[in-house]
Amino acid sequence: MARYMSSGRKIKLSKKGRRTKWAPFWIIPKSFGKNRKVHPARKTFVKRSWRRTRTRL
């Protein structure tokens, strides 16, 4: 990758990075029930890693 990055590329990369985070903690009791213990990654729809898959920027 280049040493200096343009601002548009940075914005796109930050958006892609935010999409890979787990779902918020308050969504789990709301969708699965109050006493159910489920990992937040189960509700995350886009599971992308910087090692596994590339982004097309």
Protein backbone atom coordinates (compact mmCIF):
# COMPACT_ATOMS: atom_id res chain seq x y z
CA MET A 1 0.00 0.00 0.00
CA ALA A 2 1.12 3.54 -0.60
CA ARG A 3 2.76 5.53 2.14
CA TYR A 4 0.17 8.31 2.00
CA MET A 5 -3.53 7.63 1.70
CA SER A 6 -6.17 9.92 0.24
CA SER A 7 -9.01 11.04 2.48
CA GLY A 8 -11.67 9.23 0.42
CA ARG A 9 -9.84 5.94 0.78
CA LYS A 10 -9.52 6.46 4.54
CA ILE A 11 -13.25 7.14 4.88
CA LYS A 12 -14.14 4.00 2.90
CA LEU A 13 -11.77 1.86 4.96
CA SER A 14 -13.19 3.21 8.23
CA LYS A 15 -16.74 2.40 7.08
CA LYS A 16 -15.70 -1.15 6.18
CA GLY A 17 -14.01 -1.49 9.55
CA ARG A 18 -17.14 -0.43 11.43
CA ARG A 19 -19.24 -3.01 9.62
CA THR A 20 -17.14 -5.89 10.94
CA LYS A 21 -17.73 -5.15 14.63
CA TRP A 22 -20.05 -7.18 16.82
CA ALA A 23 -23.65 -6.22 17.32
CA PRO A 24 -24.43 -3.98 20.33
CA PHE A 25 -24.95 -5.75 23.65
CA TRP A 26 -28.57 -4.54 24.02
CA ILE A 27 -29.67 -6.26 20.79
CA ILE A 28 -29.09 -9.77 22.22
CA PRO A 29 -31.80 -9.75 24.92
CA LYS A 30 -34.11 -7.90 22.56
CA SER A 31 -33.90 -10.50 19.80
CA PHE A 32 -33.07 -13.78 21.60
CA GLY A 33 -34.80 -13.27 24.94
CA LYS A 34 -33.75 -11.93 28.32
CA ASN A 35 -32.14 -15.05 29.84
CA ARG A 36 -30.53 -16.47 26.72
CA LYS A 37 -26.74 -16.22 26.58
CA VAL A 38 -25.69 -15.67 22.98
CA HIS A 39 -22.48 -14.18 21.64
CA PRO A 40 -22.96 -10.78 19.92
CA ALA A 41 -21.13 -12.02 16.82
CA ARG A 42 -24.11 -14.23 16.09
CA LYS A 43 -26.18 -11.16 15.19
CA THR A 44 -23.41 -9.55 13.10
CA PHE A 45 -24.31 -9.92 9.44
CA VAL A 46 -21.07 -8.84 7.78
CA LYS A 47 -18.21 -10.91 9.15
CA ARG A 48 -15.13 -9.73 7.31
CA SER A 49 -11.53 -9.94 8.40
CA TRP A 50 -8.64 -7.99 6.94
CA ARG A 51 -6.68 -11.24 6.69
CA ARG A 52 -9.31 -13.44 5.06
CA THR A 53 -11.06 -11.26 2.52
CA ARG A 54 -10.03 -8.18 0.62
CA THR A 55 -12.06 -5.04 0.05
CA ARG A 56 -12.34 -3.67 -3.45
CA LEU A 57 -11.20 -0.09 -3.01
